[in-house]
Structure formats: C-alpha cells, structure tokens
Amino acid sequence: GTEEELSSSEIKEEQINGSYDGIFISWEPSHTYDSYIIDWCNFPKLQPCDFQWKRFGPNTSSALINSAAFVPGVRYSFHIYGSVANRACLLEKKTGYLRELPPLLDPVVEKVELTFNAVTLSWDSYPTNESQSGFVRGYHVYVSPIQEDCSLKGSKKHVLPDDSVLCKYTIENPEEKRYTVKHLLSNTKYKLVVKAYTGGGETPIVNFIYIDTPFNSNMLYLLVLLVIVPSLAAAICHWKMKWVKECCCPVIPSPNKSKVLSFKEFKIGSEKVLKISDCIPDMLAMDNKAEAQKL
C-alpha cells in the first residue's frame, strides 16, 4: 500500500560485505513479527532477474545468503521484511558484492585548470552506482614531473614497477570529484592520472595525461623590479646630475676658443689678443704702457 511504499523510499540502503561462501545479512529483530523474509535477484542486470526469497523464523536475526548465480563484481540488493498475519513490512535494505573487484574504468578528467604552481582536475561524470564492480571508496591522484621523480609537499610516495616514483594524493569521499595539486614548479611538464579504488583495490596505472605549467609572471615582474627599474632610475639620476651641474656649475669658456679672438696676426706670445679697432669699448684702461704702444 501507500504506507509501505513511503516507508520503503525512506529506508536507507546499507552496504554489506560478502565472502566466498555467500553474502552475510543481519537485521534488528522485533517481537512484533512471527517471521522474516529476505528477497533478492540472482541476475540484477537482467530482466527477468530471477527473483528469489527466503523465510526465517522469529528468533533469527542474521542469514548467509548464497547462490550458484552469485559472481564477484556484481552488486546484489536485498530487502528484509517483517511478517505478521500474512502481512509484510519492509524493515531494512542491504546491498553488497560476493567480492568487490577494482573499477573497470578510470575516471575521465573532463576539466583541467592550470596556474603556474597548481593544477585542478575534475571528473564530475564518473559513476559510483551499481554499474561499478565494487563500492567506490574514493580516488587516488598521481602526479610526477616528466624528467624526474616526484617529491611534492603533502603527498605520499608511490613506486611503480619500473622504480619510478610518483606523488600520491588520496580522496576518501567518492562524491568529491575535484582535486587541486599544489606546490608545482612553473614552466614544467607533468604527468598525472586519477584512479578510483574500491574494496577490491584499483587497476594498474597505464595511461597518463600531460600538462605544462605556465611561466610564472611574478618572476617577470620581479625581474623588472630588480633589473629594469634600477637601471632606469640610474639613467634618470645620471641625466639629472648632469642637468643640475650644467645649471648650477656651468663650464667657464676659454678665451682662446672664442671666435672673436680668431685673428692669427694678433698674438702676444701664445695668447690671442683683441685689436681695439675691432670693437668700440665703453671705457679703456691701460695696465701696461709698453704693450699699449705695440697695439
């Protein structure tokens, strides 16, 4: 009825672990019921699914469900009902594997956001439902420079069969499908891979994606500040000093270089002299009569 369907939708499905003998199921007993019923499908991915059920007595609170149809890597769902007066009420829902296997497919990195020292990877469409061959427990992000082993801060070392070393980061929430790797070097080529893991582990690392971190523009600004700006300031200071010197301490011209004193025939020793007839003076003072007579 409607009451049973409503209670079914509100009951949370609990994950359980299987073994080679079968899938162990337990439930909370109640004196209200005179028996318990467990149902499941032997082939949950097929239609019809080969529906099965078993009844247990009122003093039973656990059971080992086994079937020749159970295989590793397939998720089976179990419903547990309490029965009284030929009426059944859904009590609990369980889901589990006979044995978990590693995921069949790796997460596909759909978005890569790069800065000079970090990369953010996103794999939003990766499924964590019953299509998986185990319960996806989380993800591992592996990264390493192309030319050398990795030793990034905050990571763990992971050694590959060829003895190369990767940096390993762990995400323990299967619904967290985004991660930022920090402390990268600028202008460097890296290889990365994202792996999902289940209770059955993860598949070997085969394929990588490759990225090139951009050049650190802050280094360019630092170069400008440390080299170009001081050089420019020195040039301006040199020009200013020259300008101040010319304004405050001008060079006194030499009379010997004057164009007015350019007549070769008027010399006294090695000094050029000015012939009085070449200009009209306002006042004339004679310091030496002998030299004045020569003029």
Protein backbone atom coordinates (compact mmCIF):
# COMPACT_ATOMS: atom_id res chain seq x y z
CA GLY A 1 0.00 0.00 0.00
CA THR A 2 0.94 3.68 0.09
CA GLU A 3 2.23 3.41 3.67
CA GLU A 4 4.60 0.57 2.72
CA GLU A 5 5.89 2.40 -0.40
CA LEU A 6 6.53 5.55 1.63
CA SER A 7 8.47 3.65 4.29
CA SER A 8 10.44 1.85 1.55
CA SER A 9 11.61 5.14 0.00
CA GLU A 10 12.70 6.46 3.39
CA ILE A 11 14.77 3.42 4.37
CA LYS A 12 18.44 3.90 3.63
CA GLU A 13 20.28 1.13 1.85
CA GLU A 14 23.17 -0.26 3.90
CA GLN A 15 26.36 -1.57 2.34
CA ILE A 16 27.42 -5.09 3.30
CA ASN A 17 30.45 -7.24 2.52
CA GLY A 18 30.33 -10.72 1.06
CA SER A 19 32.70 -13.64 1.15
CA TYR A 20 33.44 -16.71 -0.94
CA ASP A 21 30.71 -18.59 0.96
CA GLY A 22 27.98 -16.05 0.32
CA ILE A 23 26.68 -12.65 1.45
CA PHE A 24 26.09 -12.27 5.17
CA ILE A 25 22.99 -10.27 6.18
CA SER A 26 21.86 -9.27 9.66
CA TRP A 27 18.91 -7.20 10.85
CA GLU A 28 17.38 -5.78 14.01
CA PRO A 29 14.89 -8.33 15.43
CA SER A 30 11.48 -7.40 16.85
CA HIS A 31 8.87 -9.33 18.87
CA THR A 32 6.21 -7.81 16.64
CA TYR A 33 6.80 -10.26 13.81
CA ASP A 34 6.36 -14.01 13.61
CA SER A 35 8.83 -14.44 10.74
CA TYR A 36 11.24 -12.57 8.46
CA ILE A 37 11.56 -12.63 4.69
CA ILE A 38 14.59 -11.75 2.54
CA ASP A 39 14.29 -11.29 -1.22
CA TRP A 40 16.85 -10.59 -3.97
CA CYS A 41 17.58 -11.12 -7.67
CA ASN A 42 20.14 -13.65 -8.85
CA PHE A 43 20.74 -11.62 -12.04
CA PRO A 44 20.12 -7.96 -11.11
CA LYS A 45 21.25 -6.64 -14.50
CA LEU A 46 18.80 -8.81 -16.46
CA GLN A 47 15.04 -8.85 -16.96
CA PRO A 48 13.59 -11.08 -15.66
CA CYS A 49 16.13 -11.02 -12.85
CA ASP A 50 15.38 -14.50 -11.41
CA PHE A 51 13.66 -13.22 -8.26
CA GLN A 52 14.37 -15.24 -5.06
CA TRP A 53 13.15 -15.15 -1.45
CA LYS A 54 13.64 -17.00 1.83
CA ARG A 55 11.63 -17.06 5.08
CA PHE A 56 13.24 -17.18 8.53
CA GLY A 57 11.84 -17.81 12.00
CA PRO A 58 11.04 -15.15 14.62
CA ASN A 59 14.20 -15.81 16.63
CA THR A 60 16.52 -15.33 13.64
CA SER A 61 18.37 -12.05 13.12
CA SER A 62 21.00 -12.99 10.51
CA ALA A 63 21.50 -15.23 7.49
CA LEU A 64 24.16 -16.21 4.97
CA ILE A 65 22.62 -15.88 1.52
CA ASN A 66 24.39 -17.95 -1.13
CA SER A 67 23.57 -18.89 -4.68
CA ALA A 68 25.38 -20.53 -7.57
CA ALA A 69 24.40 -17.43 -9.57
CA PHE A 70 26.40 -15.04 -7.37
CA VAL A 71 29.62 -13.84 -9.05
CA PRO A 72 32.29 -11.33 -7.99
CA GLY A 73 31.95 -7.77 -9.24
CA VAL A 74 28.11 -7.72 -9.32
CA ARG A 75 26.11 -5.72 -6.82
CA TYR A 76 23.15 -7.53 -5.24
CA SER A 77 20.31 -5.82 -3.36
CA PHE A 78 18.40 -7.47 -0.50
CA HIS A 79 15.10 -6.44 1.11
CA ILE A 80 14.30 -7.63 4.64
CA TYR A 81 10.63 -7.80 5.67
CA GLY A 82 8.96 -8.48 8.98
CA SER A 83 5.89 -10.68 8.54
CA VAL A 84 2.83 -10.98 10.79
CA ALA A 85 -0.66 -12.33 9.95
CA ASN A 86 0.37 -12.77 6.32
CA ARG A 87 1.25 -9.07 6.04
CA ALA A 88 4.86 -7.98 5.29
CA CYS A 89 6.51 -4.72 6.28
CA LEU A 90 9.85 -3.64 4.83
CA LEU A 91 12.37 -3.28 7.64
CA GLU A 92 15.79 -2.85 6.04
CA LYS A 93 17.58 -2.72 2.69
CA LYS A 94 21.07 -4.12 2.13
CA THR A 95 23.36 -4.09 -0.88
CA GLY A 96 26.67 -5.81 -1.42
CA TYR A 97 29.01 -7.94 -3.52
CA LEU A 98 30.08 -11.52 -3.20
CA ARG A 99 33.53 -10.00 -3.73
CA GLU A 100 34.46 -6.50 -4.81
CA LEU A 101 36.68 -6.01 -7.86
CA PRO A 102 38.69 -2.96 -8.93
CA PRO A 103 36.80 -0.42 -11.06
CA LEU A 104 36.58 -1.38 -14.72
CA LEU A 105 37.18 2.17 -15.93
CA ASP A 106 39.30 5.05 -14.69
CA PRO A 107 37.73 8.48 -14.12
CA VAL A 108 37.93 10.64 -17.22
CA VAL A 109 39.39 14.05 -16.36
CA GLU A 110 36.97 16.44 -18.06
CA LYS A 111 38.42 19.76 -16.93
CA VAL A 112 41.95 20.94 -16.19
CA GLU A 113 42.58 24.36 -14.63
CA LEU A 114 46.22 25.45 -14.62
CA THR A 115 48.20 28.09 -12.80
CA PHE A 116 51.99 28.40 -12.65
CA ASN A 117 52.16 26.35 -9.42
CA ALA A 118 48.92 24.29 -9.25
CA VAL A 119 46.51 22.21 -11.32
CA THR A 120 42.84 21.45 -10.59
CA LEU A 121 41.35 18.27 -12.05
CA SER A 122 37.62 17.49 -12.37
CA TRP A 123 35.85 14.21 -13.25
CA ASP A 124 32.21 15.04 -12.41
CA SER A 125 30.51 12.43 -14.61
CA TYR A 126 32.25 9.40 -13.08
CA PRO A 127 29.55 6.95 -11.84
CA THR A 128 29.57 5.49 -8.32
CA ASN A 129 26.35 3.46 -8.66
CA GLU A 130 25.57 -0.23 -9.14
CA SER A 131 27.25 -0.24 -12.53
CA GLN A 132 30.60 -0.43 -10.71
CA SER A 133 32.26 -3.74 -9.84
CA GLY A 134 32.72 -2.62 -6.23
CA PHE A 135 31.77 0.21 -3.88
CA VAL A 136 33.82 3.23 -4.96
CA ARG A 137 35.52 4.28 -1.73
CA GLY A 138 37.45 7.23 -3.13
CA TYR A 139 40.17 8.29 -5.57
CA HIS A 140 43.94 8.45 -5.86
CA VAL A 141 45.59 11.28 -7.78
CA TYR A 142 49.11 10.52 -9.02
CA VAL A 143 51.48 13.17 -10.36
CA SER A 144 55.15 13.45 -11.30
CA PRO A 145 57.47 15.65 -13.39
CA ILE A 146 58.37 14.06 -16.72
CA GLN A 147 62.11 14.23 -16.22
CA GLU A 148 62.46 13.20 -12.56
CA ASP A 149 60.84 11.55 -9.55
CA CYS A 150 58.22 13.40 -7.58
CA SER A 151 58.60 14.83 -4.06
CA LEU A 152 55.77 17.32 -3.67
CA LYS A 153 54.81 18.65 -0.27
CA GLY A 154 51.82 16.91 1.34
CA SER A 155 51.97 13.80 -0.86
CA LYS A 156 52.92 10.17 -0.30
CA LYS A 157 55.41 8.28 -2.45
CA HIS A 158 54.15 5.63 -4.82
CA VAL A 159 56.72 3.43 -6.56
CA LEU A 160 55.86 1.96 -9.96
CA PRO A 161 57.17 -1.43 -11.18
CA ASP A 162 59.87 0.39 -13.16
CA ASP A 163 61.07 2.00 -9.88
CA SER A 164 59.94 5.48 -10.90
CA VAL A 165 58.38 7.47 -8.06
CA LEU A 166 55.02 9.25 -8.22
CA CYS A 167 53.39 11.60 -5.74
CA LYS A 168 50.11 10.15 -4.42
CA TYR A 169 47.12 12.04 -3.02
CA THR A 170 44.05 10.31 -1.56
CA ILE A 171 40.42 11.47 -1.69
CA GLU A 172 38.28 9.38 0.66
CA ASN A 173 34.88 10.78 -0.41
CA PRO A 174 33.59 9.08 -3.61
CA GLU A 175 31.35 12.06 -4.36
CA GLU A 176 34.25 14.51 -4.25
CA LYS A 177 35.27 14.56 -7.89
CA ARG A 178 37.61 17.53 -7.95
CA TYR A 179 41.13 17.95 -6.63
CA THR A 180 43.86 20.60 -6.70
CA VAL A 181 47.53 19.56 -6.73
CA LYS A 182 49.66 22.37 -5.31
CA HIS A 183 53.36 23.22 -4.99
CA LEU A 184 54.14 22.57 -8.68
CA LEU A 185 57.05 24.23 -10.46
CA SER A 186 56.33 26.81 -13.14
CA ASN A 187 57.23 26.17 -16.77
CA THR A 188 57.46 22.40 -16.13
CA LYS A 189 55.90 19.35 -17.81
CA TYR A 190 54.00 16.91 -15.56
CA LYS A 191 52.17 13.62 -15.99
CA LEU A 192 49.01 12.87 -14.00
CA VAL A 193 46.37 10.19 -13.60
CA VAL A 194 43.23 9.82 -11.46
CA LYS A 195 42.32 6.31 -10.26
CA ALA A 196 39.15 5.22 -8.47
CA TYR A 197 39.51 2.50 -5.85
CA THR A 198 37.03 0.05 -4.32
CA GLY A 199 37.22 -2.64 -1.64
CA GLY A 200 38.89 -4.67 -4.40
CA GLY A 201 41.65 -2.09 -4.92
CA GLU A 202 42.43 -0.28 -8.16
CA THR A 203 43.71 -1.22 -11.59
CA PRO A 204 47.40 -0.74 -12.52
CA ILE A 205 48.49 2.67 -13.80
CA VAL A 206 48.84 2.60 -17.57
CA ASN A 207 47.84 5.91 -19.14
CA PHE A 208 48.72 9.43 -18.04
CA ILE A 209 47.55 12.88 -19.04
CA TYR A 210 50.23 15.53 -19.58
CA ILE A 211 50.25 19.20 -18.66
CA ASP A 212 52.67 22.12 -18.96
CA THR A 213 52.56 24.64 -16.15
CA PRO A 214 52.79 28.23 -17.47
CA PHE A 215 55.66 30.62 -16.84
CA ASN A 216 55.44 32.46 -13.53
CA SER A 217 54.56 36.04 -14.48
CA ASN A 218 55.51 37.10 -10.96
CA MET A 219 59.11 36.23 -11.81
CA LEU A 220 58.91 38.59 -14.77
CA TYR A 221 57.62 41.36 -12.53
CA LEU A 222 60.43 40.61 -10.09
CA LEU A 223 62.96 40.82 -12.93
CA VAL A 224 61.51 44.19 -13.93
CA LEU A 225 61.69 45.44 -10.36
CA LEU A 226 65.23 44.19 -9.71
CA VAL A 227 66.89 44.97 -13.04
CA ILE A 228 64.98 47.29 -15.36
CA VAL A 229 63.62 49.73 -12.77
CA PRO A 230 67.01 50.29 -11.06
CA SER A 231 68.70 50.73 -14.45
CA LEU A 232 66.09 53.27 -15.50
CA ALA A 233 66.40 55.08 -12.17
CA ALA A 234 70.19 55.20 -12.53
CA ALA A 235 69.91 56.63 -16.05
CA ILE A 236 67.47 59.30 -14.87
CA CYS A 237 69.70 60.16 -11.92
CA HIS A 238 72.74 60.46 -14.21
CA TRP A 239 70.83 62.77 -16.55
CA LYS A 240 69.52 64.81 -13.64
CA MET A 241 73.01 65.18 -12.14
CA LYS A 242 74.36 66.35 -15.49
CA TRP A 243 71.49 68.82 -15.83
CA VAL A 244 71.98 70.17 -12.29
CA LYS A 245 75.72 70.50 -12.88
CA GLU A 246 75.18 72.44 -16.10
CA CYS A 247 72.64 74.74 -14.39
CA CYS A 248 74.48 75.36 -11.13
CA CYS A 249 78.10 74.93 -12.19
CA PRO A 250 78.36 75.88 -15.88
CA VAL A 251 81.67 75.45 -17.66
CA ILE A 252 83.60 78.74 -17.96
CA PRO A 253 84.53 79.25 -21.62
CA SER A 254 88.20 79.66 -22.55
CA PRO A 255 89.10 82.96 -24.21
CA ASN A 256 91.42 81.07 -26.53
CA LYS A 257 88.42 79.28 -28.05
CA SER A 258 86.43 82.46 -28.70
CA LYS A 259 85.57 83.26 -32.32
CA VAL A 260 86.15 86.91 -31.59
CA LEU A 261 89.83 86.15 -30.89
CA SER A 262 90.36 84.23 -34.10
CA PHE A 263 92.77 86.58 -35.83
CA LYS A 264 96.11 84.87 -36.20
CA GLU A 265 98.10 88.07 -36.68
CA PHE A 266 97.26 89.46 -33.22
CA LYS A 267 99.09 87.42 -30.63
CA ILE A 268 101.28 88.14 -27.68
CA GLY A 269 103.36 85.06 -27.19
CA SER A 270 100.93 82.17 -27.40
CA GLU A 271 97.90 84.22 -26.29
CA LYS A 272 95.45 85.70 -28.78
CA VAL A 273 94.59 89.33 -28.23
CA LEU A 274 91.74 91.55 -29.42
CA LYS A 275 92.54 94.52 -31.63
CA ILE A 276 90.94 97.61 -30.22
CA SER A 277 89.72 98.74 -33.65
CA ASP A 278 87.55 95.62 -33.94
CA CYS A 279 85.16 96.91 -31.29
CA ILE A 280 84.08 100.13 -29.66
CA PRO A 281 84.70 99.93 -25.91
CA ASP A 282 82.77 101.99 -23.38
CA MET A 283 85.90 102.51 -21.30
CA LEU A 284 89.59 101.85 -21.84
CA ALA A 285 92.13 101.30 -19.09
CA MET A 286 95.82 100.70 -19.86
CA ASP A 287 97.71 98.49 -17.43
CA ASN A 288 100.99 98.50 -19.31
CA LYS A 289 102.16 101.38 -21.47
CA ALA A 290 104.67 99.26 -23.36
CA GLU A 291 102.03 96.78 -24.52
CA ALA A 292 99.60 99.59 -25.36
CA GLN A 293 102.18 101.19 -27.70
CA LYS A 294 102.51 97.89 -29.58
CA LEU A 295 98.81 97.97 -30.34
